[in-house]
N, C-alpha and C. Protein backbone atom coordinates (compact mmCIF):
# COMPACT_ATOMS: atom_id res chain seq x y z
N MET A 1 0.86 -1.18 0.05
CA MET A 1 0.02 -0.12 -0.04
C MET A 1 0.93 1.24 0.01
N ALA A 2 0.32 2.16 -0.63
CA ALA A 2 1.17 3.50 -0.70
C ALA A 2 0.82 4.39 0.40
N THR A 3 1.70 5.14 0.90
CA THR A 3 1.32 6.10 2.02
C THR A 3 1.28 7.41 1.36
N THR A 4 0.39 8.31 2.04
CA THR A 4 0.24 9.65 1.62
C THR A 4 1.33 10.61 2.30
N THR A 5 1.39 11.93 1.88
CA THR A 5 2.32 12.78 2.61
C THR A 5 1.97 12.96 4.05
N ASP A 6 0.68 12.71 4.43
CA ASP A 6 0.44 12.82 5.83
C ASP A 6 0.57 11.64 6.71
N GLY A 7 1.00 10.63 5.97
CA GLY A 7 1.21 9.31 6.73
C GLY A 7 0.20 8.35 6.73
N ALA A 8 -1.02 8.72 6.16
CA ALA A 8 -2.14 7.78 6.07
C ALA A 8 -1.89 6.69 4.83
N THR A 9 -2.41 5.75 4.97
CA THR A 9 -2.22 4.64 3.85
C THR A 9 -3.27 4.92 2.85
N ALA A 10 -3.15 4.91 1.67
CA ALA A 10 -4.00 5.12 0.47
C ALA A 10 -4.47 3.74 0.17
N ALA A 11 -5.84 3.78 -0.30
CA ALA A 11 -6.59 2.50 -0.79
C ALA A 11 -5.78 2.15 -2.10
N PRO A 12 -5.78 0.75 -2.49
CA PRO A 12 -5.22 0.44 -3.72
C PRO A 12 -6.18 0.82 -4.85
N PRO A 13 -5.65 0.93 -6.00
CA PRO A 13 -6.41 1.45 -7.19
C PRO A 13 -7.58 0.48 -7.40
N ALA A 14 -8.74 1.04 -7.75
CA ALA A 14 -9.94 0.32 -7.97
C ALA A 14 -9.72 -0.51 -9.43
N GLN A 15 -10.21 -1.68 -9.27
CA GLN A 15 -10.17 -2.56 -10.65
C GLN A 15 -11.51 -2.49 -11.19
N THR A 16 -11.59 -2.49 -12.43
CA THR A 16 -12.93 -2.35 -13.22
C THR A 16 -13.53 -3.79 -12.99
N ASP A 17 -14.80 -3.72 -12.86
CA ASP A 17 -15.54 -4.82 -12.64
C ASP A 17 -15.91 -5.56 -14.02
N PRO A 18 -15.50 -6.75 -14.35
CA PRO A 18 -15.78 -7.24 -15.64
C PRO A 18 -17.11 -7.70 -15.81
N TYR A 19 -18.01 -7.83 -14.80
CA TYR A 19 -19.47 -8.03 -14.93
C TYR A 19 -20.29 -6.79 -14.80
N ALA A 20 -19.81 -5.67 -14.77
CA ALA A 20 -20.55 -4.45 -14.67
C ALA A 20 -21.09 -4.11 -16.03
N LEU A 21 -22.37 -3.62 -15.94
CA LEU A 21 -23.08 -3.30 -17.24
C LEU A 21 -22.75 -1.89 -17.51
N ARG A 22 -22.44 -1.80 -18.85
CA ARG A 22 -21.92 -0.42 -19.30
C ARG A 22 -22.92 0.00 -20.44
N ALA A 23 -23.30 1.33 -20.54
CA ALA A 23 -24.28 1.80 -21.57
C ALA A 23 -23.60 1.62 -22.98
N GLU A 24 -22.37 1.55 -23.03
CA GLU A 24 -21.79 1.51 -24.47
C GLU A 24 -21.80 0.00 -24.97
N ASP A 25 -22.09 -0.80 -24.13
CA ASP A 25 -22.11 -2.24 -24.53
C ASP A 25 -23.60 -2.83 -24.72
N ALA A 26 -24.43 -2.03 -24.37
CA ALA A 26 -25.87 -2.42 -24.49
C ALA A 26 -26.31 -2.31 -25.91
N ARG A 27 -27.12 -3.30 -26.34
CA ARG A 27 -27.69 -3.31 -27.79
C ARG A 27 -29.16 -3.05 -27.54
N PRO A 28 -29.89 -2.53 -28.56
CA PRO A 28 -31.24 -2.40 -28.45
C PRO A 28 -32.03 -3.88 -28.53
N ALA A 29 -33.09 -4.04 -27.92
CA ALA A 29 -33.83 -5.28 -27.87
C ALA A 29 -34.43 -5.57 -29.25
N PRO A 30 -34.47 -6.85 -29.68
CA PRO A 30 -34.96 -7.15 -30.91
C PRO A 30 -36.47 -6.94 -30.96
N GLU A 31 -37.08 -6.48 -32.09
CA GLU A 31 -38.43 -6.04 -32.13
C GLU A 31 -39.18 -7.05 -32.95
N THR A 32 -38.69 -7.94 -33.89
CA THR A 32 -39.44 -8.87 -34.55
C THR A 32 -39.35 -10.19 -33.84
N PHE A 33 -40.19 -11.18 -34.31
CA PHE A 33 -40.27 -12.39 -33.79
C PHE A 33 -39.00 -13.31 -34.07
N ARG A 34 -38.58 -13.16 -35.34
CA ARG A 34 -37.26 -13.77 -35.65
C ARG A 34 -36.11 -13.23 -35.04
N GLY A 35 -36.16 -11.88 -34.71
CA GLY A 35 -35.05 -11.37 -33.96
C GLY A 35 -35.02 -11.87 -32.58
N ARG A 36 -36.19 -12.10 -32.04
CA ARG A 36 -36.13 -12.55 -30.59
C ARG A 36 -35.75 -13.97 -30.56
N LEU A 37 -36.28 -14.80 -31.56
CA LEU A 37 -35.87 -16.20 -31.50
C LEU A 37 -34.50 -16.22 -31.89
N ARG A 38 -33.85 -15.53 -32.63
CA ARG A 38 -32.40 -15.63 -32.94
C ARG A 38 -31.61 -15.12 -31.78
N PHE A 39 -32.14 -14.28 -31.01
CA PHE A 39 -31.36 -13.79 -29.82
C PHE A 39 -31.40 -14.89 -28.61
N ARG A 40 -32.48 -15.83 -28.70
CA ARG A 40 -32.55 -16.71 -27.69
C ARG A 40 -31.61 -17.82 -27.91
N ALA A 41 -31.57 -18.34 -29.01
CA ALA A 41 -30.78 -19.60 -29.29
C ALA A 41 -30.30 -19.90 -30.69
N ASN A 42 -29.24 -20.54 -30.89
CA ASN A 42 -28.90 -20.97 -32.29
C ASN A 42 -30.03 -21.88 -32.91
N PRO A 43 -30.48 -21.55 -34.15
CA PRO A 43 -31.51 -22.36 -34.71
C PRO A 43 -31.24 -23.89 -34.88
N TRP A 44 -29.93 -24.06 -35.11
CA TRP A 44 -29.66 -25.57 -35.30
C TRP A 44 -29.65 -26.36 -33.89
N LEU A 45 -29.34 -25.55 -32.93
CA LEU A 45 -29.27 -26.12 -31.53
C LEU A 45 -30.75 -26.35 -31.12
N THR A 46 -31.59 -25.45 -31.40
CA THR A 46 -33.04 -25.62 -31.14
C THR A 46 -33.66 -26.80 -31.97
N ALA A 47 -33.33 -26.83 -33.23
CA ALA A 47 -33.88 -28.03 -34.06
C ALA A 47 -33.37 -29.45 -33.53
N ALA A 48 -32.09 -29.48 -33.09
CA ALA A 48 -31.58 -30.67 -32.55
C ALA A 48 -32.15 -31.00 -31.11
N LEU A 49 -32.50 -30.10 -30.33
CA LEU A 49 -33.15 -30.39 -29.16
C LEU A 49 -34.49 -30.89 -29.44
N VAL A 50 -35.28 -30.27 -30.32
CA VAL A 50 -36.64 -30.70 -30.58
C VAL A 50 -36.72 -32.00 -31.11
N LEU A 51 -35.76 -32.44 -32.08
CA LEU A 51 -35.69 -33.83 -32.63
C LEU A 51 -35.29 -34.80 -31.65
N SER A 52 -34.38 -34.55 -30.79
CA SER A 52 -33.97 -35.47 -29.77
C SER A 52 -34.99 -35.74 -28.77
N SER A 53 -35.65 -34.68 -28.38
CA SER A 53 -36.88 -34.92 -27.48
C SER A 53 -38.01 -35.85 -27.96
N ALA A 54 -38.22 -35.41 -29.34
CA ALA A 54 -39.14 -36.27 -29.91
C ALA A 54 -38.78 -37.75 -30.03
N ALA A 55 -37.38 -37.95 -30.25
CA ALA A 55 -36.93 -39.33 -30.36
C ALA A 55 -37.04 -39.99 -29.04
N ILE A 56 -36.83 -39.29 -27.96
CA ILE A 56 -36.75 -39.79 -26.67
C ILE A 56 -38.22 -40.12 -26.31
N LEU A 57 -39.09 -39.21 -26.52
CA LEU A 57 -40.57 -39.57 -26.31
C LEU A 57 -41.01 -40.77 -27.07
N PHE A 58 -40.71 -40.94 -28.42
CA PHE A 58 -41.11 -42.02 -29.19
C PHE A 58 -40.60 -43.20 -28.70
N LEU A 59 -39.32 -43.29 -28.30
CA LEU A 59 -38.77 -44.57 -27.93
C LEU A 59 -39.42 -45.02 -26.48
N GLY A 60 -39.63 -43.97 -25.70
CA GLY A 60 -40.27 -44.17 -24.48
C GLY A 60 -41.58 -44.89 -24.55
N VAL A 61 -42.43 -44.23 -25.40
CA VAL A 61 -43.83 -44.62 -25.57
C VAL A 61 -43.77 -46.07 -26.39
N TYR A 62 -42.91 -46.17 -27.13
CA TYR A 62 -42.77 -47.55 -27.92
C TYR A 62 -42.38 -48.58 -26.97
N GLY A 63 -41.45 -48.22 -26.00
CA GLY A 63 -41.02 -49.31 -25.12
C GLY A 63 -42.14 -49.72 -24.25
N VAL A 64 -42.91 -48.64 -23.79
CA VAL A 64 -44.10 -49.07 -22.91
C VAL A 64 -45.08 -49.98 -23.70
N LEU A 65 -45.42 -49.52 -24.92
CA LEU A 65 -46.27 -50.37 -25.70
C LEU A 65 -45.96 -51.78 -25.92
N ASP A 66 -44.52 -51.80 -26.20
CA ASP A 66 -43.88 -53.07 -26.42
C ASP A 66 -43.97 -54.03 -25.21
N THR A 67 -43.75 -53.40 -24.13
CA THR A 67 -43.89 -54.07 -22.91
C THR A 67 -45.33 -54.65 -22.59
N LEU A 68 -46.18 -53.83 -23.02
CA LEU A 68 -47.57 -54.24 -22.81
C LEU A 68 -48.20 -55.21 -23.89
N GLY A 69 -47.30 -55.53 -24.84
CA GLY A 69 -47.66 -56.16 -25.90
C GLY A 69 -48.70 -55.62 -27.03
N LEU A 70 -48.64 -54.30 -27.00
CA LEU A 70 -49.64 -53.52 -27.88
C LEU A 70 -48.95 -52.94 -29.18
N THR A 71 -47.81 -53.46 -29.64
CA THR A 71 -47.23 -53.03 -30.79
C THR A 71 -47.54 -53.91 -31.86
N PRO A 72 -47.47 -53.47 -33.15
CA PRO A 72 -47.84 -54.30 -34.30
C PRO A 72 -46.83 -55.56 -34.26
N GLY A 73 -47.30 -56.65 -34.57
CA GLY A 73 -46.31 -57.74 -34.73
C GLY A 73 -45.85 -58.33 -33.36
N SER A 74 -46.41 -57.90 -32.22
CA SER A 74 -45.84 -58.60 -30.94
C SER A 74 -46.69 -59.69 -30.53
C-alpha cells in the first residue's frame, strides 16, 4: 500500500468490474419475432433439441407399448 504525505495509507487502485453493465455495451432489444428467436438460441441447436426430445418420447412410448404387447407384430 502506498502512503500519503500525511502518513495515512491510501487505498489500492480500483479495478474495473468485468461483470458491470456499461451503457456503451448495450444493444437495443430485438423487435421482430425472428429477431427474438435468433437472440434466444442458435436455430440448429433448437432443431436438434426438438428432434432429440421427440426421439426420446417416441422410444419411451414404444417401449411401454412393447412391454404391454400392444405393438404391431408382438
